[in-house]
Amino acid sequence: MISDRFGRKWPLVFNLLLCCVLELGTGFVDTFSQFLAFRALFGIAMGGIWGLSSSSALENLPVELRGLATQHGWRALFWTGAGITCFAAVVRALVPESSFFLHTKQQEKAKGTNTSQSFLRKTKEMLKLHWLLCIYAVLLMSGLNFLSHGSQDLYPTYLQITKGFSAHNATVATIIGNCGAFVGGAIGGWVSQYIGRRLTIVLCVLLAAAFIPLWVLPSSFSALSAGAFFVQLGVQGAWGVIPIQLAEMSPPAFRATFPGVVYQLGNMVSAASAQIEATGGDNLKTTIMENGVLTVVPDYATVQAIFIGAVAAFVIVIALIVPENHGSNFESADADSRDGDEATDHKSQISCREVNEKSSA
């Protein structure tokens, strides 16, 4: 909300620096309670980064490119992350503010608009007009977060316990899966420029679902690694569309607030993904040969296959509910919303009425 009123640049810089300080401090904790406190504060700070960074990047890209868009052990992980976060803050501080946002504020200043009252009024109007869109977006983000966390968080544990992999092989297989995620994100964003956002999400999720058998049934390293690559290719291919999908869906005056809030709400809903799968493994067992002895272990393969299959079906249904705003021109939307001073009622935005019409059809 602050960035939609005062700009993308400095709120993001502040968030990054705050994350840097908290991550640095995490490396110095000595008790589990201190660790939890720092991570909770870090989560709050990090929650503001996604919406700010996506709106900053997308507003400064051409329309046709918006789809692409040791010795100390564990402590060194957080110190390294703090350095990277600080570097990102410095880079963002050197990048100019979004030209769209600056132009909007110049118009408001020329009109003598009370930005505080105007923003609050527009917030009420947006919630009144787009409440169903907000619910849809949260459901979509919940499903996609369940899909990514459900296929990633417990994956190394699954390989080691259910498949009997060494820690090294489980790590390498995870890296191979992450390579698929990188490729999928780029391809998904690029393809969505030509065939649309919703269709790209659906095809990518179908791709991930199609490779679930290769992801869980084999026992060899090569086959399971290939399954991980293609599952993550599909999962992150769908995610590659999300920044621009949410930005195009957003009411113009809330292009930072809307994506950030719905993303974090979806992330919160899906936070229990690993716990759900772990509980399923406690209740569903299989046997493997370990050191020449037949051993009963949690059947994480079956649990993850069922979980990801169900979530994939849910995401496909949600992705098909509401018409997309493919090719929405931020400049035109901002100009129209300034002229009418009704940023929440622009014709290119999805309203509850359109949602209802689509659902009825």
Protein backbone atom coordinates (compact mmCIF):
# COMPACT_ATOMS: atom_id res chain seq x y z
CA MET A 1 0.00 0.00 0.00
CA ILE A 2 2.86 2.37 0.80
CA SER A 3 4.45 1.79 -2.62
CA ASP A 4 1.19 2.51 -4.44
CA ARG A 5 1.12 5.89 -2.71
CA PHE A 6 4.79 6.88 -2.44
CA GLY A 7 6.55 4.93 -5.18
CA ARG A 8 8.17 1.55 -5.83
CA LYS A 9 11.78 2.50 -5.27
CA TRP A 10 12.39 3.46 -1.65
CA PRO A 11 9.87 1.10 -0.02
CA LEU A 12 11.61 -1.78 -1.83
CA VAL A 13 15.06 -0.51 -0.81
CA PHE A 14 13.90 -0.29 2.82
CA ASN A 15 12.43 -3.80 2.68
CA LEU A 16 15.63 -5.24 1.22
CA LEU A 17 17.82 -3.54 3.82
CA LEU A 18 15.51 -4.73 6.61
CA CYS A 19 15.77 -8.28 5.26
CA CYS A 20 19.55 -7.85 5.13
CA VAL A 21 19.73 -6.83 8.80
CA LEU A 22 17.41 -9.61 9.97
CA GLU A 23 19.18 -12.25 7.90
CA LEU A 24 22.53 -11.09 9.21
CA GLY A 25 21.21 -11.23 12.77
CA THR A 26 19.89 -14.76 12.22
CA GLY A 27 23.47 -15.93 11.76
CA PHE A 28 24.29 -14.86 15.33
CA VAL A 29 21.42 -16.49 17.23
CA ASP A 30 22.17 -19.14 19.85
CA THR A 31 18.74 -20.52 20.77
CA PHE A 32 15.81 -21.91 18.82
CA SER A 33 13.49 -19.25 20.25
CA GLN A 34 15.80 -16.50 18.97
CA PHE A 35 15.93 -18.23 15.59
CA LEU A 36 12.12 -18.37 15.36
CA ALA A 37 11.81 -14.70 16.35
CA PHE A 38 14.27 -13.55 13.69
CA ARG A 39 12.70 -15.74 11.00
CA ALA A 40 9.22 -14.47 11.85
CA LEU A 41 10.38 -10.85 11.50
CA PHE A 42 12.24 -11.77 8.32
CA GLY A 43 9.04 -13.27 6.89
CA ILE A 44 7.18 -10.02 7.54
CA ALA A 45 9.89 -7.99 5.83
CA MET A 46 10.21 -10.40 2.93
CA GLY A 47 6.45 -10.37 2.42
CA GLY A 48 6.65 -6.88 0.98
CA ILE A 49 9.34 -7.63 -1.58
CA TRP A 50 7.45 -9.71 -4.15
CA GLY A 51 4.72 -7.21 -5.03
CA LEU A 52 7.16 -4.29 -5.10
CA SER A 53 9.76 -6.03 -7.23
CA SER A 54 7.25 -7.42 -9.74
CA SER A 55 5.49 -4.09 -10.22
CA SER A 56 8.83 -2.26 -10.53
CA ALA A 57 10.12 -4.67 -13.15
CA LEU A 58 6.94 -5.00 -15.20
CA GLU A 59 6.18 -1.27 -15.35
CA ASN A 60 9.60 -0.65 -16.87
CA LEU A 61 9.44 -3.41 -19.48
CA PRO A 62 7.92 -3.18 -22.97
CA VAL A 63 4.51 -4.87 -23.22
CA GLU A 64 5.85 -7.63 -25.47
CA LEU A 65 8.50 -8.66 -22.91
CA ARG A 66 6.40 -8.65 -19.76
CA GLY A 67 5.85 -12.41 -19.86
CA LEU A 68 9.64 -13.05 -19.45
CA ALA A 69 10.18 -11.23 -16.94
CA THR A 70 31.95 -24.13 5.66
CA GLN A 71 33.70 -23.20 8.84
CA HIS A 72 30.65 -21.48 10.24
CA GLY A 73 28.19 -24.09 8.97
CA TRP A 74 24.60 -22.92 8.71
CA ARG A 75 25.41 -19.39 9.93
CA ALA A 76 27.32 -18.62 6.73
CA LEU A 77 24.14 -19.29 4.74
CA PHE A 78 22.38 -16.35 6.39
CA TRP A 79 25.43 -14.06 6.25
CA THR A 80 25.77 -14.75 2.53
CA GLY A 81 22.06 -14.08 2.01
CA ALA A 82 22.40 -10.80 3.89
CA GLY A 83 25.19 -9.69 1.56
CA ILE A 84 23.19 -10.56 -1.55
CA THR A 85 20.12 -8.76 -0.18
CA CYS A 86 22.18 -5.67 0.61
CA PHE A 87 23.59 -5.71 -2.92
CA ALA A 88 20.03 -5.90 -4.33
CA ALA A 89 19.04 -2.90 -2.19
CA VAL A 90 21.98 -0.86 -3.53
CA VAL A 91 21.10 -1.77 -7.12
CA ARG A 92 17.45 -0.81 -6.61
CA ALA A 93 18.47 2.50 -5.03
CA LEU A 94 20.43 3.33 -8.19
CA VAL A 95 17.57 2.44 -10.56
CA PRO A 96 15.12 5.31 -11.26
CA GLU A 97 11.56 5.26 -10.00
CA SER A 98 8.86 3.88 -12.32
CA SER A 99 8.01 6.52 -14.92
CA PHE A 100 4.33 5.54 -14.76
CA PHE A 101 4.19 6.16 -11.04
CA LEU A 102 6.01 9.49 -11.32
CA HIS A 103 3.65 10.68 -14.05
CA THR A 104 0.63 9.67 -11.97
CA LYS A 105 1.88 11.62 -8.98
CA GLN A 106 2.59 14.67 -11.12
CA GLN A 107 -1.00 14.58 -12.35
CA GLU A 108 -2.34 14.27 -8.81
CA LYS A 109 -0.16 17.14 -7.65
CA ALA A 110 -1.33 19.33 -10.50
CA LYS A 111 -4.95 18.59 -9.58
CA GLY A 112 -4.27 19.20 -5.90
CA THR A 113 -5.61 15.73 -5.05
CA ASN A 114 -5.44 14.63 -1.42
CA THR A 115 -3.52 11.38 -1.96
CA SER A 116 -4.38 9.90 1.44
CA GLN A 117 -8.14 10.38 1.07
CA SER A 118 -8.03 9.42 -2.60
CA PHE A 119 -6.16 6.18 -1.90
CA LEU A 120 -8.51 5.18 0.91
CA ARG A 121 -11.54 5.92 -1.26
CA LYS A 122 -10.11 3.92 -4.14
CA THR A 123 -9.33 1.05 -1.79
CA LYS A 124 -12.97 0.88 -0.69
CA GLU A 125 -14.14 1.07 -4.30
CA MET A 126 -11.70 -1.61 -5.39
CA LEU A 127 -12.79 -4.04 -2.66
CA LYS A 128 -16.46 -3.36 -3.42
CA LEU A 129 -16.05 -3.88 -7.16
CA HIS A 130 -13.34 -6.55 -7.24
CA TRP A 131 -13.92 -8.64 -4.11
CA LEU A 132 -14.58 -11.76 -6.19
CA LEU A 133 -11.42 -11.14 -8.20
CA CYS A 134 -9.46 -10.94 -4.94
CA ILE A 135 -10.85 -14.30 -3.82
CA TYR A 136 -10.01 -15.85 -7.18
CA ALA A 137 -6.45 -14.52 -7.05
CA VAL A 138 -5.89 -15.84 -3.51
CA LEU A 139 -7.21 -19.27 -4.55
CA LEU A 140 -4.92 -19.30 -7.58
CA MET A 141 -1.89 -18.34 -5.51
CA SER A 142 -2.79 -20.88 -2.84
CA GLY A 143 -2.93 -23.62 -5.44
CA LEU A 144 0.33 -22.65 -7.11
CA ASN A 145 2.11 -22.29 -3.77
CA PHE A 146 0.84 -25.74 -2.75
CA LEU A 147 2.12 -27.02 -6.11
CA SER A 148 5.61 -25.59 -5.71
CA HIS A 149 6.08 -26.25 -1.99
CA GLY A 150 4.48 -29.67 -2.25
CA SER A 151 6.88 -30.71 -5.01
CA GLN A 152 10.00 -29.14 -3.50
CA ASP A 153 10.06 -28.86 0.30
CA LEU A 154 10.05 -32.58 1.15
CA TYR A 155 11.69 -33.78 -2.06
CA PRO A 156 15.26 -34.38 -0.70
CA THR A 157 13.77 -36.16 2.34
CA TYR A 158 11.61 -38.29 0.06
CA LEU A 159 14.63 -39.34 -2.01
CA GLN A 160 16.70 -40.26 1.02
CA ILE A 161 14.03 -42.04 3.07
CA THR A 162 11.72 -43.62 0.50
CA LYS A 163 14.22 -44.21 -2.30
CA GLY A 164 17.32 -44.79 -0.18
CA PHE A 165 19.43 -42.13 -1.89
CA SER A 166 22.54 -40.72 -0.28
CA ALA A 167 22.47 -37.07 0.79
CA HIS A 168 24.79 -36.26 -2.13
CA ASN A 169 22.58 -37.91 -4.76
CA ALA A 170 19.45 -36.34 -3.28
CA THR A 171 21.11 -32.92 -3.51
CA VAL A 172 22.19 -33.47 -7.12
CA ALA A 173 18.69 -34.62 -8.10
CA THR A 174 17.25 -31.52 -6.44
CA ILE A 175 19.66 -29.32 -8.40
CA ILE A 176 18.60 -31.02 -11.63
CA GLY A 177 14.98 -30.30 -10.73
CA ASN A 178 15.87 -26.66 -10.07
CA CYS A 179 17.45 -26.47 -13.52
CA GLY A 180 14.12 -27.59 -14.95
CA ALA A 181 12.43 -24.89 -12.87
CA PHE A 182 14.72 -22.22 -14.33
CA VAL A 183 14.06 -23.35 -17.89
CA GLY A 184 10.33 -23.69 -17.27
CA GLY A 185 9.98 -20.20 -15.79
CA ALA A 186 11.61 -18.59 -18.83
CA ILE A 187 9.68 -20.70 -21.34
CA GLY A 188 6.35 -20.24 -19.57
CA GLY A 189 6.64 -16.47 -19.47
CA TRP A 190 7.70 -16.28 -23.11
CA VAL A 191 5.02 -18.66 -24.39
CA SER A 192 2.30 -16.77 -22.50
CA GLN A 193 2.97 -13.73 -24.68
CA TYR A 194 1.64 -15.68 -27.67
CA ILE A 195 -0.98 -18.13 -26.40
CA GLY A 196 -2.22 -16.27 -23.33
CA ARG A 197 -1.68 -16.49 -19.59
CA ARG A 198 -4.40 -18.96 -18.61
CA LEU A 199 -3.67 -21.45 -21.37
CA THR A 200 0.04 -21.39 -20.52
CA ILE A 201 -0.67 -22.06 -16.84
CA VAL A 202 -3.01 -24.95 -17.72
CA LEU A 203 -0.54 -26.53 -20.18
CA CYS A 204 2.37 -26.23 -17.76
CA VAL A 205 0.40 -27.78 -14.90
CA LEU A 206 -0.73 -30.60 -17.20
CA LEU A 207 2.93 -31.15 -18.14
CA ALA A 208 3.89 -31.41 -14.47
CA ALA A 209 1.02 -33.81 -13.78
CA ALA A 210 1.96 -35.99 -16.76
CA PHE A 211 5.45 -36.56 -15.34
CA ILE A 212 4.34 -37.45 -11.80
CA PRO A 213 4.76 -41.20 -12.53
CA LEU A 214 8.37 -40.66 -13.64
CA TRP A 215 8.84 -38.52 -10.53
CA VAL A 216 7.80 -41.23 -8.04
CA LEU A 217 7.75 -44.73 -9.57
CA PRO A 218 11.37 -45.43 -10.64
CA SER A 219 14.18 -46.23 -8.22
CA SER A 220 17.18 -45.22 -10.32
CA PHE A 221 18.90 -41.87 -9.97
CA SER A 222 18.71 -41.01 -13.68
CA ALA A 223 14.97 -41.70 -14.03
CA LEU A 224 13.98 -39.86 -10.85
CA SER A 225 16.20 -36.91 -11.78
CA ALA A 226 14.54 -36.73 -15.19
CA GLY A 227 11.15 -36.81 -13.50
CA ALA A 228 12.19 -33.99 -11.18
CA PHE A 229 13.40 -31.93 -14.13
CA PHE A 230 10.13 -32.17 -16.06
CA VAL A 231 7.86 -31.80 -13.02
CA GLN A 232 9.65 -28.60 -12.04
CA LEU A 233 9.68 -27.48 -15.67
CA GLY A 234 5.89 -27.57 -15.56
CA VAL A 235 5.46 -26.18 -12.04
CA GLN A 236 7.74 -23.21 -12.52
CA GLY A 237 6.55 -22.75 -16.10
CA ALA A 238 3.17 -21.94 -14.58
CA TRP A 239 4.85 -19.68 -12.03
CA GLY A 240 6.69 -17.84 -14.80
CA VAL A 241 3.33 -16.44 -15.92
CA ILE A 242 2.17 -15.30 -12.48
CA PRO A 243 3.92 -11.90 -12.13
CA ILE A 244 2.43 -10.55 -15.35
CA GLN A 245 -0.89 -12.38 -14.81
CA LEU A 246 -1.39 -10.69 -11.44
CA ALA A 247 -0.16 -7.33 -12.74
CA GLU A 248 -2.61 -7.41 -15.65
CA MET A 249 -5.44 -8.45 -13.33
CA SER A 250 -4.66 -5.75 -10.78
CA PRO A 251 -6.70 -2.55 -10.59
CA PRO A 252 -4.27 0.15 -11.85
CA ALA A 253 -3.96 2.01 -8.55
CA PHE A 254 -3.05 -1.22 -6.72
CA ARG A 255 -0.48 -2.80 -9.03
CA ALA A 256 2.00 -3.28 -6.17
CA THR A 257 -0.46 -3.90 -3.35
CA PHE A 258 -2.72 -6.42 -5.11
CA PRO A 259 -0.06 -8.92 -6.32
CA GLY A 260 1.90 -8.71 -3.09
CA VAL A 261 -1.08 -9.27 -0.81
CA VAL A 262 -2.69 -12.12 -2.77
CA TYR A 263 0.69 -13.84 -3.21
CA GLN A 264 1.45 -13.72 0.51
CA LEU A 265 -2.05 -14.86 1.46
CA GLY A 266 -1.67 -17.81 -0.89
CA ASN A 267 1.76 -18.52 0.54
CA MET A 268 0.31 -18.47 4.05
CA VAL A 269 -2.46 -20.92 3.10
CA SER A 270 0.10 -23.34 1.60
CA ALA A 271 2.59 -23.07 4.48
CA ALA A 272 1.64 -26.50 5.80
CA SER A 273 2.51 -28.35 2.57
CA ALA A 274 5.50 -30.22 4.01
CA GLN A 275 3.65 -31.00 7.25
CA ILE A 276 0.69 -32.42 5.30
CA GLU A 277 2.98 -34.67 3.30
CA ALA A 278 4.98 -35.70 6.39
CA THR A 279 1.75 -36.63 8.19
CA GLY A 280 0.66 -38.61 5.15
CA GLY A 281 3.98 -40.45 5.20
CA ASP A 282 3.48 -41.35 8.85
CA ASN A 283 0.22 -43.06 7.92
CA LEU A 284 1.25 -44.63 4.62
CA LYS A 285 4.22 -46.99 4.68
CA THR A 286 6.30 -48.96 2.20
CA THR A 287 9.35 -51.22 2.43
CA ILE A 288 12.82 -50.77 0.97
CA MET A 289 15.99 -52.83 1.15
CA GLU A 290 18.42 -50.99 3.42
CA ASN A 291 21.81 -52.54 4.19
CA GLY A 292 20.44 -55.92 3.15
CA VAL A 293 17.48 -55.64 5.51
CA LEU A 294 13.87 -55.07 4.47
CA THR A 295 12.93 -51.81 6.23
CA VAL A 296 9.55 -50.12 6.67
CA VAL A 297 9.69 -46.41 5.73
CA PRO A 298 7.18 -43.62 5.03
CA ASP A 299 5.81 -43.87 1.48
CA TYR A 300 6.44 -40.26 0.52
CA ALA A 301 6.31 -41.20 -3.18
CA THR A 302 2.64 -42.14 -3.06
CA VAL A 303 1.78 -39.27 -0.73
CA GLN A 304 3.43 -36.67 -2.98
CA ALA A 305 1.90 -38.16 -6.12
CA ILE A 306 -1.61 -37.92 -4.64
CA PHE A 307 -1.00 -34.48 -3.19
CA ILE A 308 0.48 -32.92 -6.34
CA GLY A 309 -2.11 -34.59 -8.57
CA ALA A 310 -4.98 -33.18 -6.52
CA VAL A 311 -3.43 -29.71 -6.36
CA ALA A 312 -2.75 -29.73 -10.11
CA ALA A 313 -6.43 -30.45 -10.80
CA PHE A 314 -7.44 -27.63 -8.45
CA VAL A 315 -5.10 -25.13 -10.15
CA ILE A 316 -6.39 -26.02 -13.61
CA VAL A 317 -10.00 -25.44 -12.54
CA ILE A 318 -9.19 -22.10 -10.88
CA ALA A 319 -7.09 -20.93 -13.84
CA LEU A 320 -10.05 -21.45 -16.18
CA ILE A 321 -12.64 -19.55 -14.13
CA VAL A 322 -11.90 -15.89 -14.88
CA PRO A 323 -11.09 -14.20 -18.22
CA GLU A 324 -7.50 -13.03 -18.41
CA ASN A 325 -6.32 -9.52 -19.21
CA HIS A 326 -3.63 -10.58 -21.67
CA GLY A 327 -1.82 -7.64 -23.24
CA SER A 328 -3.22 -5.09 -20.79
CA ASN A 329 -1.43 -1.82 -21.42
CA PHE A 330 -0.32 -0.29 -18.13
CA GLU A 331 0.16 3.12 -19.70
CA SER A 332 -3.38 3.28 -21.08
CA ALA A 333 -4.89 1.95 -17.89
CA ASP A 334 -3.06 4.53 -15.80
CA ALA A 335 -4.01 7.33 -18.18
CA ASP A 336 -7.68 6.38 -18.20
CA SER A 337 -7.79 5.99 -14.44
CA ARG A 338 -6.27 9.44 -14.00
CA ASP A 339 -8.71 11.03 -16.42
CA GLY A 340 -11.72 9.51 -14.69
CA ASP A 341 -10.13 9.41 -11.24
CA GLU A 342 -11.60 5.93 -10.91
CA ALA A 343 -8.60 3.63 -10.95
CA THR A 344 -10.65 0.76 -9.68
CA ASP A 345 -13.22 0.91 -12.47
CA HIS A 346 -11.09 0.78 -15.60
CA LYS A 347 -12.64 -1.18 -18.46
CA SER A 348 -9.56 -3.38 -18.92
CA GLN A 349 -9.79 -4.70 -15.37
CA ILE A 350 -11.76 -7.79 -14.37
CA SER A 351 -14.83 -6.96 -12.32
CA CYS A 352 -17.16 -9.08 -10.22
CA ARG A 353 -19.75 -8.76 -12.96
CA GLU A 354 -17.38 -10.33 -15.52
CA VAL A 355 -16.49 -13.07 -13.09
CA ASN A 356 -20.16 -13.86 -12.53
CA GLU A 357 -20.89 -13.86 -16.26
CA LYS A 358 -17.98 -16.25 -16.90
CA SER A 359 -19.02 -18.52 -14.04
CA SER A 360 -22.64 -18.61 -15.30
CA ALA A 361 -21.47 -19.46 -18.82
